[in-house]
Amino acid sequence: MINRHKRQTTKQWKRRAGRPIIAGITAGMLMVHGVIGVLPSQAHAEASDVSIRNWYSYQRITVPELKPSWTAKVDNYLNMNETYIGANAIAEEGKVFTFAESKLIALDATTGKRLWTYGKELTPYITYQGGVLYGLTSDHKPYALNAKTGKAKWQSGTSIWIDTVQRTEALIPTVDTLYVIKGSTTFALDIQSGKLRWKADEPLGEGHGTEYLEESNGIILRTFFVQGALTSVQLNAYDKKTGKKLWSHFGQGEAIQIKDGLVYSVDFYSPMLEDDESSPERKWNVNAYNLKTGVLKGSQEYRWTMPGDPPYTNGRGGILVYKDKLYIAQGDNIAEYSLNTTKSETTPIRTFHQPYGDKMELLGIVQERLVYKNFETGELKGIKLANGQEVQWHGDAPVSQIDVYGKGMYRAQRNGTLLALNMMTGQPAFRVSTGGDLHNTTLKTNGMIIIQAEGKLLGVKLPASLK
């Protein structure tokens, strides 16, 4: 998950026009050294022309406060290009890898001790697979390092820099290939040598590619934003060996499932052409394409009716797959379907009522709970798959960043603290003072969480209940 942050500060100042003189003289007159004067009129503080409070009160949660095991100064992610926020630090193998003075450093996650330093003026992007770190130099040439020693394995001679308006950028390592996404261009590099195998661009994407890339049975899938009668997403397939484009379907999103040689993908374009306000009928189409040829093999149509009278709201929410089941947000409900058929007019297996609120966005399923986010406040709510019961996770200040690992929910807040909760019970477990207002992704490795505050990392040992 990538965060946008905008810092805003509001200060209110009050000036007093004067101090009132209070005297117990019934005539309202004051004589000083023979001079008669009238008491001054009572002064008032100036009233503001506009006064808006951008917070609401929280009930303070009493919980044990843990002290960080260590703190380390690092490059402030708020000073980085927004593309790299969320990819500037990772935690693996009991180590933390991040950037300090534009150099890549490795820290022991338990002690905070610096283990090694690599490079200079590096692009603050790092990813990991199988004991190897992958990053970008200042001129955007990919490199690979031994994660244990910090020794270089290779640096590619190919720069992936492309001047695009949409700065979509991602490094995706697989068993034998490092894929690099830059806008609508895809680079495939040999994972052992860094040598460029092929480069493919989607010209209709005009630089607007997404971070989605998936590899299956020798086929690479990617999505792009393409201009048609209306701008919509487009799903492309490429040959893994050559980068040759095999097929594409305008209006189709990323694969929600790949199974038995079929790619299941949601049709996002057709609903854009429908009259939503006057008709209560809604539907999603999920198409199944042959992975290698792109030939349509079947389509599932999921229909529902919006309640009430016109004008109707859109009523189409998130759609996701979990354990061969399809979950679709339909107005105020979430419907569960089987994804193993290609029959239309499918009847839901069961339905759930979505969490209270009209600004809820379906994120996914964690710990057998449908998780929703309020897209204005960032707060999370959930629905238990077992019984449809709503669950909530409360903090005591506005949220800056939320991360979940297993049973632990780590809530970095705008009051300079991180509040940890047990996701299964909703009960708070501990608090850590971070000294920061905005926070980046909380990391976890080897029984430690790593909190990213502004310009520093804090390592905190987890209690047994959340390990």
Protein backbone atom coordinates (compact mmCIF):
# COMPACT_ATOMS: atom_id res chain seq x y z
CA MET A 1 0.00 0.00 0.00
CA ILE A 2 1.66 4.06 -1.15
CA ASN A 3 0.86 7.08 0.81
CA ARG A 4 0.40 10.71 -0.03
CA HIS A 5 1.08 13.19 2.58
CA LYS A 6 0.49 16.86 2.68
CA ARG A 7 1.55 18.74 5.71
CA GLN A 8 -0.68 21.53 6.85
CA THR A 9 -0.26 23.75 9.90
CA THR A 10 -2.92 26.04 11.30
CA LYS A 11 -2.10 28.68 13.91
CA GLN A 12 -4.61 30.85 15.66
CA TRP A 13 -3.48 34.09 17.22
CA LYS A 14 -5.49 36.34 19.47
CA ARG A 15 -4.67 39.93 20.31
CA ARG A 16 -6.10 41.90 23.12
CA ALA A 17 -6.98 45.56 22.43
CA GLY A 18 -6.35 46.60 26.02
CA ARG A 19 -6.83 45.71 29.68
CA PRO A 20 -10.09 46.87 31.30
CA ILE A 21 -9.79 49.06 34.38
CA ILE A 22 -12.12 47.96 37.11
CA ALA A 23 -13.01 50.36 39.91
CA GLY A 24 -15.71 50.39 42.53
CA ILE A 25 -16.96 53.91 41.84
CA THR A 26 -20.69 54.02 41.41
CA ALA A 27 -20.67 57.27 39.45
CA GLY A 28 -18.52 55.72 36.77
CA MET A 29 -16.03 58.57 37.11
CA LEU A 30 -12.40 58.47 38.19
CA MET A 31 -10.52 61.45 39.62
CA VAL A 32 -6.73 61.36 39.50
CA HIS A 33 -4.76 64.36 40.72
CA GLY A 34 -7.71 66.61 40.11
CA VAL A 35 -8.34 65.38 36.57
CA ILE A 36 -11.75 63.95 35.86
CA GLY A 37 -11.86 61.15 33.27
CA VAL A 38 -14.35 58.64 31.95
CA LEU A 39 -13.61 54.97 32.49
CA PRO A 40 -12.47 53.34 29.25
CA SER A 41 -14.95 51.04 27.53
CA GLN A 42 -14.31 47.31 28.05
CA ALA A 43 -11.89 45.82 25.48
CA HIS A 44 -12.55 42.55 23.66
CA ALA A 45 -10.32 40.05 21.89
CA GLU A 46 -10.52 40.29 18.12
CA ALA A 47 -12.87 37.77 16.55
CA SER A 48 -11.48 35.69 13.70
CA ASP A 49 -13.12 35.96 10.32
CA VAL A 50 -12.90 32.19 9.84
CA SER A 51 -12.30 29.54 12.51
CA ILE A 52 -12.36 25.84 11.60
CA ARG A 53 -11.26 22.99 13.81
CA ASN A 54 -9.95 20.07 11.77
CA TRP A 55 -10.02 17.37 14.42
CA TYR A 56 -12.44 15.59 16.66
CA SER A 57 -11.97 14.28 20.15
CA TYR A 58 -10.83 10.76 20.91
CA GLN A 59 -11.07 8.92 24.18
CA ARG A 60 -7.56 8.38 25.50
CA ILE A 61 -6.60 4.70 25.60
CA THR A 62 -4.63 3.53 28.62
CA VAL A 63 -2.09 0.96 27.52
CA PRO A 64 1.51 -0.01 28.41
CA GLU A 65 4.14 2.14 26.69
CA LEU A 66 7.13 0.33 25.22
CA LYS A 67 10.50 1.98 24.79
CA PRO A 68 12.30 1.54 21.46
CA SER A 69 15.28 -0.83 21.60
CA TRP A 70 17.11 1.54 19.27
CA THR A 71 16.73 4.63 17.09
CA ALA A 72 18.61 5.43 13.89
CA LYS A 73 18.79 8.59 11.80
CA VAL A 74 17.98 8.01 8.11
CA ASP A 75 16.97 10.02 5.05
CA ASN A 76 13.58 11.64 5.55
CA TYR A 77 11.08 10.03 3.19
CA LEU A 78 9.11 13.30 3.13
CA ASN A 79 11.95 14.79 1.09
CA MET A 80 11.82 11.99 -1.50
CA ASN A 81 9.89 11.82 -4.74
CA GLU A 82 6.45 10.43 -3.98
CA THR A 83 7.14 7.46 -6.28
CA TYR A 84 9.60 6.04 -3.76
CA ILE A 85 7.63 6.53 -0.55
CA GLY A 86 6.79 3.00 0.57
CA ALA A 87 9.78 1.46 -1.26
CA ASN A 88 12.60 3.32 0.48
CA ALA A 89 12.95 0.78 3.30
CA ILE A 90 12.39 -2.96 3.75
CA ALA A 91 12.98 -5.48 6.54
CA GLU A 92 14.19 -9.01 5.78
CA GLU A 93 16.40 -11.68 7.37
CA GLY A 94 16.42 -9.84 10.71
CA LYS A 95 17.85 -6.76 9.00
CA VAL A 96 16.54 -3.37 7.89
CA PHE A 97 17.65 -1.94 4.56
CA THR A 98 17.17 1.77 3.94
CA PHE A 99 18.98 4.97 2.93
CA ALA A 100 21.12 7.45 4.85
CA GLU A 101 22.84 10.36 3.08
CA SER A 102 21.65 8.77 -0.21
CA LYS A 103 23.61 5.59 0.56
CA LEU A 104 22.06 2.16 1.07
CA ILE A 105 22.63 0.89 4.61
CA ALA A 106 21.87 -2.34 6.47
CA LEU A 107 20.93 -2.31 10.16
CA ASP A 108 20.56 -5.19 12.59
CA ALA A 109 16.83 -5.19 13.35
CA THR A 110 17.38 -6.22 16.97
CA THR A 111 20.15 -3.79 17.95
CA GLY A 112 20.08 -1.06 15.27
CA LYS A 113 23.80 -1.59 14.63
CA ARG A 114 24.91 -0.58 11.13
CA LEU A 115 26.23 -3.65 9.32
CA TRP A 116 27.32 -2.23 5.98
CA THR A 117 27.00 0.73 3.59
CA TYR A 118 26.79 0.72 -0.19
CA GLY A 119 26.98 3.30 -2.99
CA LYS A 120 26.30 7.02 -3.09
CA GLU A 121 23.57 9.27 -4.48
CA LEU A 122 21.33 6.23 -5.01
CA THR A 123 17.69 6.36 -6.01
CA PRO A 124 15.80 5.59 -2.75
CA TYR A 125 14.11 2.41 -3.97
CA ILE A 126 14.92 -1.09 -2.77
CA THR A 127 13.35 -4.55 -3.01
CA TYR A 128 14.40 -8.05 -1.98
CA GLN A 129 14.22 -11.69 -3.04
CA GLY A 130 16.11 -14.79 -1.94
CA GLY A 131 18.99 -13.09 -0.14
CA VAL A 132 19.53 -10.46 -2.85
CA LEU A 133 18.65 -6.75 -2.83
CA TYR A 134 17.70 -4.92 -6.01
CA GLY A 135 17.82 -1.15 -6.43
CA LEU A 136 18.54 1.74 -8.80
CA THR A 137 21.56 4.01 -9.15
CA SER A 138 21.16 7.78 -9.48
CA ASP A 139 20.97 7.40 -13.27
CA HIS A 140 18.40 4.60 -12.88
CA LYS A 141 20.57 1.61 -13.69
CA PRO A 142 19.42 -1.50 -11.78
CA TYR A 143 21.88 -3.20 -9.43
CA ALA A 144 21.92 -6.34 -7.27
CA LEU A 145 23.63 -6.81 -3.88
CA ASN A 146 24.25 -9.67 -1.51
CA ALA A 147 21.89 -8.77 1.36
CA LYS A 148 24.18 -10.29 3.98
CA THR A 149 27.44 -8.61 2.99
CA GLY A 150 26.40 -5.60 0.92
CA LYS A 151 28.74 -6.72 -1.87
CA ALA A 152 27.65 -5.97 -5.44
CA LYS A 153 26.63 -8.91 -7.61
CA TRP A 154 26.10 -6.80 -10.71
CA GLN A 155 25.12 -3.39 -12.02
CA SER A 156 23.22 -3.25 -15.28
CA GLY A 157 24.52 -1.19 -18.18
CA THR A 158 20.92 -0.33 -19.10
CA SER A 159 19.29 2.78 -17.69
CA ILE A 160 15.53 2.46 -17.32
CA TRP A 161 15.05 6.22 -17.16
CA ILE A 162 12.17 7.47 -19.29
CA ASP A 163 10.84 11.00 -18.97
CA THR A 164 7.17 10.37 -18.31
CA VAL A 165 4.48 12.44 -16.66
CA GLN A 166 3.19 9.37 -14.83
CA ARG A 167 6.13 8.29 -12.67
CA THR A 168 4.99 4.69 -12.18
CA GLU A 169 8.10 2.77 -11.18
CA ALA A 170 8.58 -0.74 -9.78
CA LEU A 171 11.22 -3.47 -9.48
CA ILE A 172 9.75 -6.99 -9.53
CA PRO A 173 12.20 -9.91 -9.12
CA THR A 174 11.19 -13.47 -10.04
CA VAL A 175 13.15 -16.73 -10.12
CA ASP A 176 15.09 -15.88 -13.27
CA THR A 177 14.08 -12.34 -14.28
CA LEU A 178 14.13 -8.85 -12.81
CA TYR A 179 11.23 -6.91 -14.30
CA VAL A 180 11.44 -3.13 -14.17
CA ILE A 181 8.35 -1.01 -14.77
CA LYS A 182 8.73 2.58 -15.88
CA GLY A 183 5.47 4.17 -16.98
CA SER A 184 4.11 2.15 -19.91
CA THR A 185 7.49 0.48 -20.59
CA THR A 186 8.53 -2.93 -19.27
CA PHE A 187 12.18 -4.02 -19.02
CA ALA A 188 13.19 -7.67 -18.51
CA LEU A 189 16.71 -8.24 -17.13
CA ASP A 190 18.53 -11.50 -16.47
CA ILE A 191 18.40 -11.99 -12.70
CA GLN A 192 21.95 -13.37 -12.54
CA SER A 193 23.78 -10.83 -14.70
CA GLY A 194 21.55 -7.76 -15.06
CA LYS A 195 21.76 -8.05 -18.84
CA LEU A 196 18.74 -6.65 -20.69
CA ARG A 197 16.71 -9.41 -22.36
CA TRP A 198 13.96 -7.30 -23.86
CA LYS A 199 12.06 -4.05 -23.59
CA ALA A 200 8.38 -3.58 -24.44
CA ASP A 201 6.21 -0.47 -24.56
CA GLU A 202 2.47 0.02 -24.88
CA PRO A 203 2.19 3.09 -27.16
CA LEU A 204 -1.51 3.61 -26.43
CA GLY A 205 -0.64 3.90 -22.76
CA GLU A 206 1.22 7.16 -23.44
CA GLY A 207 3.42 6.60 -20.40
CA HIS A 208 0.52 5.72 -18.13
CA GLY A 209 1.21 2.20 -16.92
CA THR A 210 0.28 0.71 -13.56
CA GLU A 211 2.51 -1.18 -11.11
CA TYR A 212 0.71 -4.44 -11.88
CA LEU A 213 2.80 -7.23 -13.42
CA GLU A 214 2.14 -10.96 -13.09
CA GLU A 215 3.99 -13.94 -14.54
CA SER A 216 2.27 -17.27 -15.24
CA ASN A 217 3.24 -20.20 -17.48
CA GLY A 218 5.58 -18.17 -19.67
CA ILE A 219 3.15 -15.24 -20.03
CA ILE A 220 3.57 -11.74 -18.56
CA LEU A 221 0.44 -9.71 -17.76
CA ARG A 222 0.43 -5.92 -17.36
CA THR A 223 -2.20 -3.18 -17.26
CA PHE A 224 -2.19 0.36 -18.69
CA PHE A 225 -4.48 3.37 -18.82
CA VAL A 226 -5.57 3.83 -22.42
CA GLN A 227 -7.67 6.53 -24.07
CA GLY A 228 -10.79 5.31 -25.88
CA ALA A 229 -14.25 6.89 -26.02
CA LEU A 230 -13.48 7.14 -22.31
CA THR A 231 -10.16 6.44 -20.62
CA SER A 232 -10.08 2.93 -19.18
CA VAL A 233 -7.66 0.24 -18.08
CA GLN A 234 -6.28 -2.26 -20.62
CA LEU A 235 -4.91 -5.74 -19.97
CA ASN A 236 -1.90 -6.86 -22.08
CA ALA A 237 -0.12 -10.23 -22.36
CA TYR A 238 3.54 -10.66 -23.42
CA ASP A 239 5.74 -13.64 -24.20
CA LYS A 240 8.19 -14.02 -21.31
CA LYS A 241 11.15 -15.02 -23.53
CA THR A 242 10.90 -12.35 -26.21
CA GLY A 243 8.67 -9.58 -24.84
CA LYS A 244 6.41 -9.94 -27.88
CA LYS A 245 2.91 -8.66 -27.28
CA LEU A 246 0.50 -11.59 -27.62
CA TRP A 247 -2.89 -9.99 -26.99
CA SER A 248 -4.68 -7.12 -25.26
CA HIS A 249 -8.23 -6.30 -24.15
CA PHE A 250 -9.36 -2.72 -23.65
CA GLY A 251 -11.49 -2.13 -20.56
CA GLN A 252 -10.19 -5.22 -18.75
CA GLY A 253 -8.44 -4.95 -15.40
CA GLU A 254 -5.67 -7.02 -13.85
CA ALA A 255 -6.20 -10.74 -13.35
CA ILE A 256 -8.23 -11.42 -10.24
CA GLN A 257 -7.42 -15.10 -10.71
CA ILE A 258 -5.35 -17.29 -13.07
CA LYS A 259 -6.46 -20.91 -13.00
CA ASP A 260 -6.50 -23.87 -15.41
CA GLY A 261 -5.04 -21.77 -18.23
CA LEU A 262 -7.69 -19.05 -17.86
CA VAL A 263 -7.31 -15.42 -16.86
CA TYR A 264 -10.30 -14.00 -14.95
CA SER A 265 -10.59 -10.24 -15.38
CA VAL A 266 -13.24 -7.61 -14.53
CA ASP A 267 -14.80 -5.54 -17.33
CA PHE A 268 -14.47 -1.96 -16.09
CA TYR A 269 -15.41 -0.22 -19.33
CA SER A 270 -19.00 -1.38 -19.94
CA PRO A 271 -20.39 0.09 -16.68
CA MET A 272 -19.01 3.50 -17.69
CA LEU A 273 -21.43 3.55 -20.65
CA GLU A 274 -24.57 2.73 -18.65
CA ASP A 275 -27.22 5.10 -17.31
CA ASP A 276 -26.79 4.70 -13.57
CA GLU A 277 -29.06 7.47 -12.28
CA SER A 278 -32.39 6.42 -13.79
CA SER A 279 -32.03 2.64 -13.76
CA PRO A 280 -31.59 0.66 -10.52
CA GLU A 281 -30.00 -2.31 -12.33
CA ARG A 282 -26.29 -2.91 -11.71
CA LYS A 283 -23.88 -5.57 -12.86
CA TRP A 284 -20.26 -6.59 -13.06
CA ASN A 285 -18.96 -8.84 -15.84
CA VAL A 286 -16.00 -11.12 -15.15
CA ASN A 287 -14.52 -12.50 -18.36
CA ALA A 288 -12.36 -15.60 -18.67
CA TYR A 289 -9.65 -15.49 -21.38
CA ASN A 290 -7.23 -18.13 -22.59
CA LEU A 291 -3.92 -17.14 -21.00
CA LYS A 292 -1.82 -17.78 -24.11
CA THR A 293 -4.17 -16.61 -26.89
CA GLY A 294 -6.49 -14.10 -25.23
CA VAL A 295 -9.53 -15.85 -26.72
CA LEU A 296 -12.70 -15.30 -24.65
CA LYS A 297 -13.73 -18.62 -23.09
CA GLY A 298 -16.60 -17.54 -20.92
CA SER A 299 -18.20 -14.69 -19.03
CA GLN A 300 -19.89 -14.42 -15.66
CA GLU A 301 -22.50 -11.73 -15.12
CA TYR A 302 -23.31 -10.65 -11.58
CA ARG A 303 -26.49 -8.56 -11.28
CA TRP A 304 -28.20 -6.74 -8.44
CA THR A 305 -30.81 -4.00 -7.98
CA MET A 306 -30.31 -0.78 -6.07
CA PRO A 307 -33.10 -0.03 -3.55
CA GLY A 308 -35.18 3.15 -3.42
CA ASP A 309 -36.14 5.67 -6.07
CA PRO A 310 -34.11 7.56 -8.69
CA PRO A 311 -31.67 9.14 -8.95
CA TYR A 312 -29.63 6.11 -7.91
CA THR A 313 -26.06 6.05 -6.67
CA ASN A 314 -23.41 4.15 -8.58
CA GLY A 315 -23.53 1.26 -6.11
CA ARG A 316 -20.51 -0.59 -7.54
CA GLY A 317 -17.81 -1.20 -4.97
CA GLY A 318 -14.72 -3.36 -4.76
CA ILE A 319 -14.41 -6.82 -6.25
CA LEU A 320 -11.88 -9.43 -5.14
CA VAL A 321 -11.13 -13.16 -5.04
CA TYR A 322 -10.31 -15.20 -1.94
CA LYS A 323 -10.06 -19.02 -1.84
CA ASP A 324 -12.01 -19.54 -5.10
CA LYS A 325 -14.74 -17.21 -3.91
CA LEU A 326 -15.62 -13.86 -5.46
CA TYR A 327 -16.66 -10.97 -3.20
CA ILE A 328 -18.50 -8.00 -4.72
CA ALA A 329 -19.55 -4.83 -2.88
CA GLN A 330 -23.08 -4.10 -4.07
CA GLY A 331 -24.46 -0.91 -2.57
CA ASP A 332 -24.80 -1.61 1.16
CA ASN A 333 -24.08 -5.33 0.82
CA ILE A 334 -21.18 -7.64 0.02
CA ALA A 335 -22.13 -10.71 -2.00
CA GLU A 336 -20.12 -13.93 -2.07
CA TYR A 337 -20.09 -16.07 -5.23
CA SER A 338 -18.29 -19.10 -6.58
CA LEU A 339 -15.77 -18.26 -9.32
CA ASN A 340 -15.63 -21.73 -10.83
CA THR A 341 -18.52 -21.37 -13.28
CA THR A 342 -19.17 -19.32 -16.42
CA LYS A 343 -22.93 -19.08 -15.97
CA SER A 344 -24.75 -15.75 -15.99
CA GLU A 345 -27.36 -14.61 -13.46
CA THR A 346 -25.31 -16.19 -10.68
CA THR A 347 -27.03 -16.26 -7.29
CA PRO A 348 -24.88 -15.30 -4.29
CA ILE A 349 -23.89 -18.04 -1.89
CA ARG A 350 -24.46 -15.53 0.92
CA THR A 351 -24.44 -11.79 1.55
CA PHE A 352 -23.05 -9.55 4.28
CA HIS A 353 -24.07 -6.05 5.26
CA GLN A 354 -21.18 -3.66 4.72
CA PRO A 355 -19.82 -1.69 7.71
CA TYR A 356 -21.70 1.44 8.71
CA GLY A 357 -20.76 4.52 6.68
CA ASP A 358 -21.04 5.72 3.09
CA LYS A 359 -17.33 6.27 2.45
CA MET A 360 -16.14 2.69 2.90
CA GLU A 361 -13.78 1.09 0.37
CA LEU A 362 -13.25 -2.70 0.23
CA LEU A 363 -9.51 -3.45 0.61
CA GLY A 364 -9.22 -7.22 0.95
CA ILE A 365 -9.51 -10.15 3.31
CA VAL A 366 -7.20 -10.52 6.32
CA GLN A 367 -7.53 -13.06 9.13
CA GLU A 368 -10.89 -14.21 7.70
CA ARG A 369 -12.22 -10.68 7.83
CA LEU A 370 -13.38 -8.46 4.98
CA VAL A 371 -11.46 -5.24 5.61
CA TYR A 372 -12.85 -1.84 4.66
CA LYS A 373 -11.15 1.57 4.74
CA ASN A 374 -12.87 4.91 5.13
CA PHE A 375 -11.28 6.77 2.21
CA GLU A 376 -11.57 10.13 3.98
CA THR A 377 -10.21 9.28 7.44
CA GLY A 378 -8.15 6.14 6.72
CA GLU A 379 -9.91 4.26 9.55
CA LEU A 380 -10.51 0.51 9.15
CA LYS A 381 -13.56 -1.65 9.83
CA GLY A 382 -14.17 -5.31 9.14
CA ILE A 383 -16.75 -8.04 8.63
CA LYS A 384 -16.15 -11.55 10.00
CA LEU A 385 -16.62 -14.13 7.24
CA ALA A 386 -17.76 -16.69 9.80
CA ASN A 387 -20.88 -14.84 10.93
CA GLY A 388 -21.09 -11.43 9.23
CA GLN A 389 -20.43 -9.57 12.47
CA GLU A 390 -18.94 -6.08 12.13
CA VAL A 391 -15.64 -5.44 13.89
CA GLN A 392 -13.86 -2.15 14.54
CA TRP A 393 -10.35 -1.17 15.53
CA HIS A 394 -10.21 2.06 17.52
CA GLY A 395 -7.33 4.42 18.17
CA ASP A 396 -7.12 7.61 20.19
CA ALA A 397 -5.87 10.06 17.54
CA PRO A 398 -6.24 10.57 13.76
CA VAL A 399 -4.39 7.91 11.83
CA SER A 400 -1.31 8.49 9.69
CA GLN A 401 -0.43 4.92 8.64
CA ILE A 402 -1.88 1.46 9.35
CA ASP A 403 -0.08 -1.85 8.75
CA VAL A 404 -1.19 -5.38 9.62
CA TYR A 405 1.08 -8.38 10.20
CA GLY A 406 -0.74 -11.52 11.30
CA LYS A 407 -2.70 -10.70 14.46
CA GLY A 408 -0.96 -7.36 14.96
CA MET A 409 -2.40 -4.08 13.68
CA TYR A 410 0.06 -1.19 13.96
CA ARG A 411 -1.60 2.19 13.94
CA ALA A 412 0.80 5.14 13.54
CA GLN A 413 -1.09 8.23 14.67
CA ARG A 414 -0.95 11.98 14.13
CA ASN A 415 -0.18 12.62 17.80
CA GLY A 416 3.37 11.23 17.68
CA THR A 417 2.55 7.70 18.83
CA LEU A 418 2.11 4.22 17.37
CA LEU A 419 -0.70 2.19 18.91
CA ALA A 420 -0.58 -1.60 18.46
CA LEU A 421 -3.81 -3.60 18.58
CA ASN A 422 -4.69 -7.27 18.47
CA MET A 423 -6.62 -7.57 15.23
CA MET A 424 -8.56 -10.61 16.41
CA THR A 425 -9.89 -9.04 19.61
CA GLY A 426 -9.68 -5.34 18.79
CA GLN A 427 -7.94 -4.75 22.11
CA PRO A 428 -4.93 -2.37 22.34
CA ALA A 429 -1.63 -4.06 23.22
CA PHE A 430 0.96 -1.30 23.62
CA ARG A 431 1.99 2.19 22.60
CA VAL A 432 5.28 3.69 21.38
CA SER A 433 6.15 7.40 21.33
CA THR A 434 7.57 8.19 17.88
CA GLY A 435 7.93 11.97 18.03
CA GLY A 436 6.61 12.17 14.47
CA ASP A 437 3.44 13.52 12.92
CA LEU A 438 3.49 11.65 9.60
CA HIS A 439 4.69 8.05 9.34
CA ASN A 440 5.74 5.70 6.57
CA THR A 441 5.12 1.94 6.40
CA THR A 442 5.75 0.02 9.62
CA LEU A 443 8.07 -2.93 8.92
CA LYS A 444 8.40 -6.29 10.70
CA THR A 445 11.15 -8.91 10.92
CA ASN A 446 12.55 -11.36 13.48
CA GLY A 447 10.14 -10.40 16.27
CA MET A 448 10.74 -6.66 15.83
CA ILE A 449 8.67 -3.89 14.30
CA ILE A 450 10.46 -0.98 12.66
CA ILE A 451 8.61 2.33 12.85
CA GLN A 452 9.38 4.90 10.16
CA ALA A 453 8.92 8.38 11.59
CA GLU A 454 10.18 11.59 10.00
CA GLY A 455 13.90 11.12 9.35
CA LYS A 456 14.39 8.23 11.76
CA LEU A 457 13.71 4.56 12.41
CA LEU A 458 12.69 3.08 15.75
CA GLY A 459 13.14 -0.62 16.50
CA VAL A 460 10.63 -2.10 18.98
CA LYS A 461 10.62 -5.65 20.32
CA LEU A 462 7.19 -7.25 20.04
CA PRO A 463 5.48 -8.91 23.00
CA ALA A 464 4.81 -12.63 22.60
CA SER A 465 1.08 -12.02 22.00
CA LEU A 466 1.78 -10.29 18.63
CA LYS A 467 4.79 -12.20 17.31
